[in-house]
């Protein structure tokens, strides 16, 4: 009797579905593209960006700070290895997008931007979740038990004279 096993055409040798890298790179390209381009626009203080930030209640110098971090975050997401740097870039992107959503909802200004910001927040989370193993920070598990049994204590030695 022959046993037929399920075809492994849908998974890679590392047990990840084959669509996973495609989803990762599409989400990452969108996030890194927005961070990079948006960072450059912020640093250049383009008039429509300056108007938006001013209406949201932020000072214009905030654009240079935010733009610099966004451009560096885009670079961090695209370079190979450096998983700790990527974790910080993902956190920064997530805080940037969710903070922008909160700013728009609080001020009521340019509420049409909220949908795009929500999509970028989801893409950031998706890119983070679909990262390949080489771009993840793995928690190291100890090879020895965490709580080793302590050695028995000896009774204090008393001398009798």
C-alpha atoms as a PDB file:
ATOM      1  CA  UNK A   1       0.000   0.000   0.000  1.00  0.00           C
ATOM      2  CA  UNK A   2       1.317   3.407  -0.959  1.00  0.00           C
ATOM      3  CA  UNK A   3       0.940   6.365   1.345  1.00  0.00           C
ATOM      4  CA  UNK A   4       0.730   9.702  -0.318  1.00  0.00           C
ATOM      5  CA  UNK A   5       2.102  12.631   1.611  1.00  0.00           C
ATOM      6  CA  UNK A   6       0.985  16.177   1.194  1.00  0.00           C
ATOM      7  CA  UNK A   7       3.013  18.144  -1.340  1.00  0.00           C
ATOM      8  CA  UNK A   8       5.444  20.607   0.143  1.00  0.00           C
ATOM      9  CA  UNK A   9       5.067  23.041  -2.761  1.00  0.00           C
ATOM     10  CA  UNK A  10       3.369  25.541  -0.455  1.00  0.00           C
ATOM     11  CA  UNK A  11       6.143  25.613   2.124  1.00  0.00           C
ATOM     12  CA  UNK A  12       9.833  26.359   1.957  1.00  0.00           C
ATOM     13  CA  UNK A  13      12.545  24.116   3.432  1.00  0.00           C
ATOM     14  CA  UNK A  14      12.455  26.273   6.588  1.00  0.00           C
ATOM     15  CA  UNK A  15       8.764  25.420   7.158  1.00  0.00           C
ATOM     16  CA  UNK A  16       7.562  28.892   6.222  1.00  0.00           C
ATOM     17  CA  UNK A  17       4.853  29.263   3.583  1.00  0.00           C
ATOM     18  CA  UNK A  18       6.209  30.443   0.250  1.00  0.00           C
ATOM     19  CA  UNK A  19       3.918  33.489   0.263  1.00  0.00           C
ATOM     20  CA  UNK A  20       5.468  34.744   3.494  1.00  0.00           C
ATOM     21  CA  UNK A  21       8.585  36.377   1.947  1.00  0.00           C
ATOM     22  CA  UNK A  22       6.437  38.033  -0.727  1.00  0.00           C
ATOM     23  CA  UNK A  23       4.080  39.464   1.901  1.00  0.00           C
ATOM     24  CA  UNK A  24       7.023  40.548   4.019  1.00  0.00           C
ATOM     25  CA  UNK A  25       8.767  42.393   1.187  1.00  0.00           C
ATOM     26  CA  UNK A  26       5.579  44.048  -0.088  1.00  0.00           C
ATOM     27  CA  UNK A  27       4.675  45.335   3.388  1.00  0.00           C
ATOM     28  CA  UNK A  28       8.274  46.318   4.145  1.00  0.00           C
ATOM     29  CA  UNK A  29       8.696  48.138   0.826  1.00  0.00           C
ATOM     30  CA  UNK A  30       5.534  50.158   1.467  1.00  0.00           C
ATOM     31  CA  UNK A  31       6.536  51.068   5.026  1.00  0.00           C
ATOM     32  CA  UNK A  32      10.179  51.789   4.179  1.00  0.00           C
ATOM     33  CA  UNK A  33       9.112  53.801   1.127  1.00  0.00           C
ATOM     34  CA  UNK A  34       6.752  55.946   3.166  1.00  0.00           C
ATOM     35  CA  UNK A  35       9.290  56.387   5.961  1.00  0.00           C
ATOM     36  CA  UNK A  36      12.047  57.304   3.525  1.00  0.00           C
ATOM     37  CA  UNK A  37      10.040  59.621   1.304  1.00  0.00           C
ATOM     38  CA  UNK A  38       8.103  61.106   4.207  1.00  0.00           C
ATOM     39  CA  UNK A  39      11.350  61.627   6.105  1.00  0.00           C
ATOM     40  CA  UNK A  40      12.889  63.490   3.191  1.00  0.00           C
ATOM     41  CA  UNK A  41       9.756  65.632   2.827  1.00  0.00           C
ATOM     42  CA  UNK A  42       9.850  66.378   6.558  1.00  0.00           C
ATOM     43  CA  UNK A  43      13.525  67.351   6.494  1.00  0.00           C
ATOM     44  CA  UNK A  44      12.929  69.576   3.443  1.00  0.00           C
ATOM     45  CA  UNK A  45       9.932  71.141   5.236  1.00  0.00           C
ATOM     46  CA  UNK A  46       7.738  71.064   2.161  1.00  0.00           C
ATOM     47  CA  UNK A  47       4.943  73.645   2.484  1.00  0.00           C
ATOM     48  CA  UNK A  48       2.034  71.177   2.567  1.00  0.00           C
ATOM     49  CA  UNK A  49       3.807  69.071   5.214  1.00  0.00           C
ATOM     50  CA  UNK A  50       4.630  72.160   7.290  1.00  0.00           C
ATOM     51  CA  UNK A  51       1.001  73.320   7.073  1.00  0.00           C
ATOM     52  CA  UNK A  52      -0.253  69.910   8.183  1.00  0.00           C
ATOM     53  CA  UNK A  53       2.106  69.703  11.158  1.00  0.00           C
ATOM     54  CA  UNK A  54       1.343  73.286  12.193  1.00  0.00           C
ATOM     55  CA  UNK A  55      -2.418  72.638  12.091  1.00  0.00           C
ATOM     56  CA  UNK A  56      -1.893  69.560  14.250  1.00  0.00           C
ATOM     57  CA  UNK A  57      -0.232  71.792  16.852  1.00  0.00           C
ATOM     58  CA  UNK A  58       3.416  70.804  16.473  1.00  0.00           C
ATOM     59  CA  UNK A  59       6.309  73.240  15.989  1.00  0.00           C
ATOM     60  CA  UNK A  60       7.961  73.269  12.574  1.00  0.00           C
ATOM     61  CA  UNK A  61      11.342  72.165  13.935  1.00  0.00           C
ATOM     62  CA  UNK A  62       9.644  68.897  14.886  1.00  0.00           C
ATOM     63  CA  UNK A  63       9.679  68.030  11.179  1.00  0.00           C
ATOM     64  CA  UNK A  64      13.485  67.857  11.037  1.00  0.00           C
ATOM     65  CA  UNK A  65      13.654  65.610  14.092  1.00  0.00           C
ATOM     66  CA  UNK A  66      10.877  63.330  12.905  1.00  0.00           C
ATOM     67  CA  UNK A  67      12.132  63.312   9.319  1.00  0.00           C
ATOM     68  CA  UNK A  68      15.635  62.300  10.355  1.00  0.00           C
ATOM     69  CA  UNK A  69      14.360  59.404  12.443  1.00  0.00           C
ATOM     70  CA  UNK A  70      11.971  58.302   9.686  1.00  0.00           C
ATOM     71  CA  UNK A  71      14.737  58.255   7.064  1.00  0.00           C
ATOM     72  CA  UNK A  72      17.035  56.308   9.403  1.00  0.00           C
ATOM     73  CA  UNK A  73      14.178  53.903  10.175  1.00  0.00           C
ATOM     74  CA  UNK A  74      13.640  53.234   6.470  1.00  0.00           C
ATOM     75  CA  UNK A  75      17.340  52.479   6.092  1.00  0.00           C
ATOM     76  CA  UNK A  76      17.284  50.181   9.135  1.00  0.00           C
ATOM     77  CA  UNK A  77      14.366  48.153   7.762  1.00  0.00           C
ATOM     78  CA  UNK A  78      16.099  47.542   4.448  1.00  0.00           C
ATOM     79  CA  UNK A  79      19.655  46.663   5.475  1.00  0.00           C
ATOM     80  CA  UNK A  80      20.462  43.002   6.141  1.00  0.00           C
ATOM     81  CA  UNK A  81      20.873  41.617   9.644  1.00  0.00           C
ATOM     82  CA  UNK A  82      20.869  44.061  12.602  1.00  0.00           C
ATOM     83  CA  UNK A  83      17.677  42.670  14.217  1.00  0.00           C
ATOM     84  CA  UNK A  84      17.830  44.962  17.268  1.00  0.00           C
ATOM     85  CA  UNK A  85      18.020  48.017  15.032  1.00  0.00           C
ATOM     86  CA  UNK A  86      15.025  46.720  13.074  1.00  0.00           C
ATOM     87  CA  UNK A  87      13.015  46.247  16.279  1.00  0.00           C
ATOM     88  CA  UNK A  88      13.602  49.907  17.128  1.00  0.00           C
ATOM     89  CA  UNK A  89      12.681  50.966  13.580  1.00  0.00           C
ATOM     90  CA  UNK A  90       9.426  48.997  13.744  1.00  0.00           C
ATOM     91  CA  UNK A  91       8.605  50.510  17.129  1.00  0.00           C
ATOM     92  CA  UNK A  92       9.362  54.008  15.842  1.00  0.00           C
ATOM     93  CA  UNK A  93       7.200  53.530  12.748  1.00  0.00           C
ATOM     94  CA  UNK A  94       4.349  52.147  14.850  1.00  0.00           C
ATOM     95  CA  UNK A  95       4.566  55.059  17.299  1.00  0.00           C
ATOM     96  CA  UNK A  96       4.776  57.563  14.440  1.00  0.00           C
ATOM     97  CA  UNK A  97       1.661  56.246  12.686  1.00  0.00           C
ATOM     98  CA  UNK A  98      -0.450  55.706  15.797  1.00  0.00           C
ATOM     99  CA  UNK A  99       0.637  59.098  17.172  1.00  0.00           C
ATOM    100  CA  UNK A 100      -0.350  60.737  13.897  1.00  0.00           C
ATOM    101  CA  UNK A 101      -3.745  59.000  14.043  1.00  0.00           C
ATOM    102  CA  UNK A 102      -4.265  60.291  17.588  1.00  0.00           C
ATOM    103  CA  UNK A 103      -3.198  63.808  16.550  1.00  0.00           C
ATOM    104  CA  UNK A 104      -5.625  63.867  13.624  1.00  0.00           C
ATOM    105  CA  UNK A 105      -8.518  62.514  15.690  1.00  0.00           C
ATOM    106  CA  UNK A 106      -7.829  64.894  18.580  1.00  0.00           C
ATOM    107  CA  UNK A 107      -7.612  68.033  16.457  1.00  0.00           C
ATOM    108  CA  UNK A 108     -10.198  66.989  13.876  1.00  0.00           C
ATOM    109  CA  UNK A 109      -7.892  68.272  11.140  1.00  0.00           C
ATOM    110  CA  UNK A 110      -7.413  66.353   7.851  1.00  0.00           C
ATOM    111  CA  UNK A 111      -9.369  63.323   9.013  1.00  0.00           C
ATOM    112  CA  UNK A 112      -8.989  61.838   5.530  1.00  0.00           C
ATOM    113  CA  UNK A 113      -5.399  60.992   6.490  1.00  0.00           C
ATOM    114  CA  UNK A 114      -6.528  58.616   9.254  1.00  0.00           C
ATOM    115  CA  UNK A 115      -7.392  55.807   6.827  1.00  0.00           C
ATOM    116  CA  UNK A 116      -3.979  55.926   5.170  1.00  0.00           C
ATOM    117  CA  UNK A 117      -2.263  56.069   8.557  1.00  0.00           C
ATOM    118  CA  UNK A 118      -4.274  53.045   9.721  1.00  0.00           C
ATOM    119  CA  UNK A 119      -3.193  51.115   6.616  1.00  0.00           C
ATOM    120  CA  UNK A 120       0.441  52.050   7.262  1.00  0.00           C
ATOM    121  CA  UNK A 121       0.080  50.913  10.888  1.00  0.00           C
ATOM    122  CA  UNK A 122      -1.267  47.548   9.732  1.00  0.00           C
ATOM    123  CA  UNK A 123       1.489  47.217   7.116  1.00  0.00           C
ATOM    124  CA  UNK A 124       4.092  47.944   9.798  1.00  0.00           C
ATOM    125  CA  UNK A 125       2.661  45.207  12.026  1.00  0.00           C
ATOM    126  CA  UNK A 126       2.428  42.838   9.049  1.00  0.00           C
ATOM    127  CA  UNK A 127       6.035  43.469   8.039  1.00  0.00           C
ATOM    128  CA  UNK A 128       7.139  42.853  11.623  1.00  0.00           C
ATOM    129  CA  UNK A 129       5.118  39.641  11.905  1.00  0.00           C
ATOM    130  CA  UNK A 130       6.283  38.201   8.571  1.00  0.00           C
ATOM    131  CA  UNK A 131      10.013  38.866   9.086  1.00  0.00           C
ATOM    132  CA  UNK A 132      12.286  36.021   8.049  1.00  0.00           C
ATOM    133  CA  UNK A 133      14.360  34.352  10.786  1.00  0.00           C
ATOM    134  CA  UNK A 134      17.496  36.284   9.781  1.00  0.00           C
ATOM    135  CA  UNK A 135      15.740  39.556  10.652  1.00  0.00           C
ATOM    136  CA  UNK A 136      14.315  38.463  14.001  1.00  0.00           C
ATOM    137  CA  UNK A 137      15.607  38.692  17.511  1.00  0.00           C
ATOM    138  CA  UNK A 138      15.309  35.267  19.013  1.00  0.00           C
ATOM    139  CA  UNK A 139      15.085  34.851  22.720  1.00  0.00           C
ATOM    140  CA  UNK A 140      17.912  32.593  23.754  1.00  0.00           C
ATOM    141  CA  UNK A 141      16.800  29.630  25.759  1.00  0.00           C
ATOM    142  CA  UNK A 142      19.181  28.285  28.332  1.00  0.00           C
ATOM    143  CA  UNK A 143      20.503  24.765  27.908  1.00  0.00           C
ATOM    144  CA  UNK A 144      20.478  24.126  31.658  1.00  0.00           C
ATOM    145  CA  UNK A 145      17.336  24.212  33.783  1.00  0.00           C
ATOM    146  CA  UNK A 146      16.392  27.687  34.919  1.00  0.00           C
ATOM    147  CA  UNK A 147      16.146  26.798  38.593  1.00  0.00           C
ATOM    148  CA  UNK A 148      18.832  24.355  39.479  1.00  0.00           C
ATOM    149  CA  UNK A 149      18.397  22.532  42.728  1.00  0.00           C
ATOM    150  CA  UNK A 150      20.598  24.256  45.288  1.00  0.00           C
ATOM    151  CA  UNK A 151      23.292  22.257  47.019  1.00  0.00           C
ATOM    152  CA  UNK A 152      22.290  21.114  50.490  1.00  0.00           C
ATOM    153  CA  UNK A 153      23.503  23.368  53.246  1.00  0.00           C
ATOM    154  CA  UNK A 154      25.765  21.993  55.859  1.00  0.00           C
ATOM    155  CA  UNK A 155      25.160  22.679  59.454  1.00  0.00           C
ATOM    156  CA  UNK A 156      27.488  25.268  60.878  1.00  0.00           C
ATOM    157  CA  UNK A 157      30.596  23.672  62.251  1.00  0.00           C
ATOM    158  CA  UNK A 158      31.036  24.146  65.935  1.00  0.00           C
ATOM    159  CA  UNK A 159      34.143  23.158  67.728  1.00  0.00           C
ATOM    160  CA  UNK A 160      34.048  21.692  71.144  1.00  0.00           C
ATOM    161  CA  UNK A 161      36.956  22.373  73.380  1.00  0.00           C
END
